[in-house]
Amino acid sequence: MNNQAFNELLEKNTIRSMLFKVKKNQLQMLKNRGYDIGAEEGTLTTDIRSFITFYDEQSRLNKKSFREMMNGFYSRPDDNVYVYFLDTPSDKAEIGKAQITAVMEQLNKDLPTVRHVILIAEIGISSDSRTVLSSLPSYHFEFFMYEDLAYNPTENFLASKHTLLTEGQKYLFLNSWPEEDGKKKKININNLPGITIHDPISKYYGGKAGDIFFIQRPDITGKTLIKDPTLFYRAAVDRPISRFKITAATKTAKDVDD
C-alpha cells in the first residue's frame, strides 16, 4: 500500500488513529507505574503505519478483533494487572451491564488469579455496569475512556511532577517528623490538602483514596524543576475538592528517598 492509499484509509478510520495514541499512552502509563511492558516496549516508538499494520496482521493470524489484540497482561513485583479494551456497542450509547458481566465471566475463567483490571472504552459505562463492578470487592478496577488516554498528562512542562508514595514511604512521612515538647509528632492524613482520585494525573498513576502524592513544582520560566525543590504533599480522596488548606506539610526530596 502506497502512502497516499494509506493516508486515505487512515482518514476513513479515525478510531484506529485514536487507538494508536491510546495504546501508546496506556503502555507509557504502566511503564511509569513500574510494570514490565515486555515486547510491547517497541510500540512506544513506532509510527502509526507500523502500528496499524502490526495489529491488523495479528488480528488476522489470531482471528481476533483489532481491539482484542491490544489487551494485555503486565506485572511488577507487587502486582499483576490485565488491560482490557472493551468493544463499542453498535448503538454507541453506553457500555451496558450485559457486556461488563460477560467480560468479567471471561476474565474469571481465563485469568482467575488476576484481581487488578484496567478497562478502556471509546464511550462511558452505564450506572448498572458500575454497580456490577462495585459488587466485586475482591477486584480493583480502573476505567479509562479513549479521551482520557489520548494524551499523557505528565508530559506538559507546566504540570507539576507527581510521585505516588509507597506504603513504606507513606508511613515514614506520616510518622517521622521531629519531636515537639518531648513528644513524637505525627501527621494526620486528613489534615493534608486533597487531590481527587479522578484528577487526570491521579488517575494516571492509579491513585486510590488514602494514598499520598508528593509534588515538585516546576520552574515555569526555566522549564525545569527548581534547585533543591520543596515537595508539596496531597492525600488522594474519593470526593470533589472544594477547598484546600492554606498550609501544607513540606519536606525536601531527600526526606522521602527511603
Protein backbone atom coordinates (compact mmCIF):
# COMPACT_ATOMS: atom_id res chain seq x y z
CA MET A 1 0.00 0.00 0.00
CA ASN A 2 1.48 3.36 -1.02
CA ASN A 3 1.49 6.39 1.26
CA GLN A 4 -1.45 8.09 -0.44
CA ALA A 5 -3.64 4.98 -0.16
CA PHE A 6 -2.64 4.52 3.48
CA ASN A 7 -3.43 8.15 4.34
CA GLU A 8 -6.83 7.85 2.67
CA LEU A 9 -7.51 4.67 4.65
CA LEU A 10 -6.46 6.39 7.87
CA GLU A 11 -8.78 9.34 7.25
CA LYS A 12 -11.68 6.92 6.90
CA ASN A 13 -10.76 5.06 10.09
CA THR A 14 -10.23 7.64 12.80
CA ILE A 15 -10.83 5.02 15.52
CA ARG A 16 -7.57 3.24 14.71
CA SER A 17 -5.82 6.58 14.68
CA MET A 18 -7.17 7.21 18.17
CA LEU A 19 -6.25 3.68 19.31
CA PHE A 20 -2.68 4.38 18.24
CA LYS A 21 -2.49 7.25 20.74
CA VAL A 22 -4.42 5.39 23.44
CA LYS A 23 -2.28 2.25 23.28
CA LYS A 24 0.99 4.17 23.40
CA ASN A 25 -0.16 6.24 26.39
CA GLN A 26 -1.53 3.14 28.13
CA LEU A 27 1.85 1.43 27.79
CA GLN A 28 3.78 4.51 28.93
CA MET A 29 1.41 4.86 31.91
CA LEU A 30 2.06 1.29 33.05
CA LYS A 31 5.80 1.67 32.49
CA ASN A 32 5.75 4.82 34.63
CA ARG A 33 3.95 2.85 37.33
CA GLY A 34 6.74 0.27 37.32
CA TYR A 35 5.13 -2.54 35.31
CA ASP A 36 7.10 -4.62 32.83
CA ILE A 37 5.66 -3.99 29.36
CA GLY A 38 7.96 -6.56 27.77
CA ALA A 39 7.99 -6.85 23.99
CA GLU A 40 5.49 -4.01 23.67
CA GLU A 41 8.25 -1.55 24.56
CA GLY A 42 8.78 -1.05 20.82
CA THR A 43 5.23 0.27 20.44
CA LEU A 44 6.27 3.41 22.33
CA THR A 45 8.48 4.48 19.43
CA THR A 46 6.65 3.02 16.45
CA ASP A 47 4.82 5.11 13.86
CA ILE A 48 1.12 4.87 13.15
CA ARG A 49 1.53 2.97 9.90
CA SER A 50 3.65 0.25 11.51
CA PHE A 51 1.23 0.12 14.44
CA ILE A 52 -1.85 -0.47 12.30
CA THR A 53 -0.04 -2.92 10.02
CA PHE A 54 1.18 -4.97 13.00
CA TYR A 55 -2.17 -5.19 14.78
CA ASP A 56 -4.03 -5.89 11.54
CA GLU A 57 -1.70 -8.81 10.89
CA GLN A 58 -2.02 -10.10 14.47
CA SER A 59 -5.79 -9.79 14.19
CA ARG A 60 -5.86 -11.96 11.08
CA LEU A 61 -3.43 -14.55 12.44
CA ASN A 62 -5.23 -14.93 15.76
CA LYS A 63 -8.74 -14.49 14.36
CA LYS A 64 -9.49 -11.80 16.90
CA SER A 65 -10.62 -8.21 16.58
CA PHE A 66 -8.19 -5.31 16.35
CA ARG A 67 -9.20 -4.21 19.87
CA GLU A 68 -8.79 -7.70 21.32
CA MET A 69 -5.19 -7.81 20.15
CA MET A 70 -4.43 -4.76 22.29
CA ASN A 71 -5.48 -6.48 25.52
CA GLY A 72 -2.53 -7.39 27.70
CA PHE A 73 -1.17 -8.74 30.99
CA TYR A 74 1.52 -6.80 32.85
CA SER A 75 3.34 -7.39 36.09
CA ARG A 76 5.59 -5.78 38.67
CA PRO A 77 6.88 -7.30 41.93
CA ASP A 78 3.85 -6.30 43.99
CA ASP A 79 1.03 -6.56 41.44
CA ASN A 80 -0.37 -8.04 38.23
CA VAL A 81 -2.77 -6.12 36.03
CA TYR A 82 -4.81 -7.00 32.96
CA VAL A 83 -5.75 -4.31 30.44
CA TYR A 84 -8.97 -4.96 28.55
CA PHE A 85 -10.16 -2.88 25.58
CA LEU A 86 -13.95 -3.02 25.52
CA ASP A 87 -15.79 -3.33 22.21
CA THR A 88 -18.04 -0.41 21.34
CA PRO A 89 -21.76 -1.34 21.15
CA SER A 90 -23.39 -0.77 17.78
CA ASP A 91 -25.65 1.96 19.17
CA LYS A 92 -22.62 3.72 20.75
CA ALA A 93 -24.71 4.65 23.78
CA GLU A 94 -23.03 3.15 26.85
CA ILE A 95 -21.19 0.02 27.91
CA GLY A 96 -24.05 -1.97 29.37
CA LYS A 97 -24.42 -4.41 32.24
CA ALA A 98 -24.59 -7.47 29.99
CA GLN A 99 -21.27 -6.61 28.31
CA ILE A 100 -19.48 -5.98 31.61
CA THR A 101 -20.87 -9.21 33.08
CA ALA A 102 -19.67 -11.19 30.05
CA VAL A 103 -16.20 -9.62 30.29
CA MET A 104 -15.91 -10.49 33.98
CA GLU A 105 -17.02 -14.07 33.36
CA GLN A 106 -14.34 -14.38 30.67
CA LEU A 107 -11.63 -12.91 32.91
CA ASN A 108 -12.65 -15.16 35.79
CA LYS A 109 -12.28 -18.16 33.51
CA ASP A 110 -9.06 -17.17 31.71
CA LEU A 111 -7.24 -15.27 34.47
CA PRO A 112 -8.66 -16.44 37.80
CA THR A 113 -5.77 -15.06 39.88
CA VAL A 114 -5.77 -11.52 38.44
CA ARG A 115 -7.61 -9.03 40.63
CA HIS A 116 -6.49 -5.72 39.11
CA VAL A 117 -8.22 -4.83 35.84
CA ILE A 118 -7.99 -1.70 33.70
CA LEU A 119 -10.95 -1.28 31.37
CA ILE A 120 -10.58 1.03 28.37
CA ALA A 121 -13.51 2.07 26.18
CA GLU A 122 -14.49 4.54 23.50
CA ILE A 123 -17.62 5.51 25.45
CA GLY A 124 -18.74 5.58 29.08
CA ILE A 125 -20.22 2.76 31.13
CA SER A 126 -23.77 2.70 32.45
CA SER A 127 -24.73 3.05 36.11
CA ASP A 128 -25.80 -0.61 36.09
CA SER A 129 -22.33 -1.57 34.84
CA ARG A 130 -20.74 0.40 37.67
CA THR A 131 -22.98 -1.45 40.09
CA VAL A 132 -21.71 -4.76 38.72
CA LEU A 133 -18.09 -3.67 39.18
CA SER A 134 -18.68 -2.35 42.69
CA SER A 135 -20.29 -5.68 43.64
CA LEU A 136 -16.91 -7.39 43.13
CA PRO A 137 -14.88 -6.14 46.13
CA SER A 138 -12.05 -8.62 45.55
CA TYR A 139 -11.23 -6.74 42.32
CA HIS A 140 -9.59 -3.38 41.83
CA PHE A 141 -10.97 -1.75 38.68
CA GLU A 142 -9.80 1.29 36.79
CA PHE A 143 -11.77 2.74 33.90
CA PHE A 144 -10.44 5.00 31.15
CA MET A 145 -12.18 6.40 28.10
CA TYR A 146 -10.17 6.92 24.93
CA GLU A 147 -10.20 10.65 25.55
CA ASP A 148 -8.51 10.09 28.93
CA LEU A 149 -5.58 8.33 27.25
CA ALA A 150 -5.41 10.44 24.10
CA TYR A 151 -2.61 12.38 25.78
CA ASN A 152 -0.07 11.96 28.58
CA PRO A 153 -0.85 14.48 31.36
CA THR A 154 2.68 14.20 32.76
CA GLU A 155 4.37 15.44 29.58
CA ASN A 156 3.15 19.04 29.80
CA PHE A 157 6.10 21.05 31.11
CA LEU A 158 3.69 23.18 33.17
CA ALA A 159 2.47 20.12 35.07
CA SER A 160 3.98 19.52 38.48
CA LYS A 161 5.90 16.29 38.93
CA HIS A 162 3.75 13.87 40.95
CA THR A 163 5.13 10.79 42.70
CA LEU A 164 2.92 8.27 44.43
CA LEU A 165 4.42 7.26 47.76
CA THR A 166 4.81 3.55 48.50
CA GLU A 167 3.22 2.26 51.69
CA GLY A 168 6.64 2.36 53.36
CA GLN A 169 7.28 5.94 52.28
CA LYS A 170 3.78 6.92 53.35
CA TYR A 171 4.36 5.50 56.85
CA LEU A 172 7.68 7.31 57.21
CA PHE A 173 6.18 10.57 56.04
CA LEU A 174 3.29 10.42 58.48
CA ASN A 175 5.38 9.28 61.44
CA SER A 176 8.94 10.63 61.09
CA TRP A 177 8.57 14.30 61.99
CA PRO A 178 10.84 15.91 64.66
CA GLU A 179 9.69 15.72 68.25
CA GLU A 180 7.91 18.68 69.84
CA ASP A 181 7.87 19.13 73.63
CA GLY A 182 9.35 15.67 74.02
CA LYS A 183 6.56 14.07 72.01
CA LYS A 184 6.90 12.45 68.60
CA LYS A 185 4.94 14.45 66.07
CA LYS A 186 2.69 12.67 63.60
CA ILE A 187 0.80 13.95 60.59
CA ASN A 188 -2.91 13.20 60.31
CA ILE A 189 -3.55 12.31 56.68
CA ASN A 190 -6.95 14.01 56.92
CA ASN A 191 -5.19 17.34 57.51
CA LEU A 192 -3.33 17.20 54.20
CA PRO A 193 -4.61 19.09 51.15
CA GLY A 194 -6.50 16.76 48.86
CA ILE A 195 -6.26 15.58 45.29
CA THR A 196 -9.29 13.76 43.92
CA ILE A 197 -8.74 10.26 42.58
CA HIS A 198 -10.48 11.50 39.41
CA ASP A 199 -7.78 14.10 38.74
CA PRO A 200 -6.05 13.20 35.41
CA ILE A 201 -2.60 12.75 36.98
CA SER A 202 -4.01 10.90 39.99
CA LYS A 203 -5.78 8.51 37.60
CA TYR A 204 -2.63 8.18 35.50
CA TYR A 205 -0.67 6.86 38.48
CA GLY A 206 -3.54 4.75 39.82
CA GLY A 207 -4.11 6.82 42.95
CA LYS A 208 -6.60 5.37 45.43
CA ALA A 209 -8.30 7.02 48.40
CA GLY A 210 -5.79 7.14 51.24
CA ASP A 211 -2.72 7.32 49.02
CA ILE A 212 -0.30 10.25 49.26
CA PHE A 213 1.36 12.09 46.39
CA PHE A 214 4.37 14.32 46.77
CA ILE A 215 4.62 17.06 44.21
CA GLN A 216 7.52 19.05 42.80
CA ARG A 217 6.56 22.43 41.42
CA PRO A 218 8.15 23.30 38.06
CA ASP A 219 10.09 26.49 37.39
CA ILE A 220 7.85 27.86 34.63
CA THR A 221 10.45 30.35 33.43
CA GLY A 222 13.29 27.85 33.12
CA LYS A 223 11.04 24.90 32.27
CA THR A 224 12.97 22.82 34.80
CA LEU A 225 12.46 21.87 38.42
CA ILE A 226 13.92 24.45 40.77
CA LYS A 227 17.14 23.65 42.58
CA ASP A 228 16.57 21.73 45.84
CA PRO A 229 12.79 21.77 45.27
CA THR A 230 10.27 21.84 48.07
CA LEU A 231 7.77 18.98 47.90
CA PHE A 232 4.09 19.56 48.44
CA TYR A 233 2.01 16.68 49.75
CA ARG A 234 -1.56 15.82 48.87
CA ALA A 235 -3.78 12.98 50.03
CA ALA A 236 -5.87 11.17 47.41
CA VAL A 237 -9.58 11.37 48.21
CA ASP A 238 -12.72 9.91 46.64
CA ARG A 239 -14.72 13.13 46.72
CA PRO A 240 -14.82 16.51 44.98
CA ILE A 241 -12.24 19.03 46.16
CA SER A 242 -13.95 22.30 47.02
CA ARG A 243 -11.20 23.97 49.01
CA PHE A 244 -7.61 23.46 50.07
CA LYS A 245 -5.90 24.25 53.33
CA ILE A 246 -3.52 27.18 53.07
CA THR A 247 -0.77 25.42 54.99
CA ALA A 248 0.64 22.17 53.65
CA ALA A 249 3.21 19.76 55.03
CA THR A 250 6.55 20.08 53.28
CA LYS A 251 9.88 18.29 53.27
CA THR A 252 12.85 18.17 50.97
CA ALA A 253 13.29 15.45 48.37
CA LYS A 254 15.93 13.61 50.38
CA ASP A 255 13.46 13.08 53.24
CA VAL A 256 11.34 10.61 51.22
CA ASP A 257 14.08 8.70 49.46
CA ASP A 258 13.87 5.76 51.88
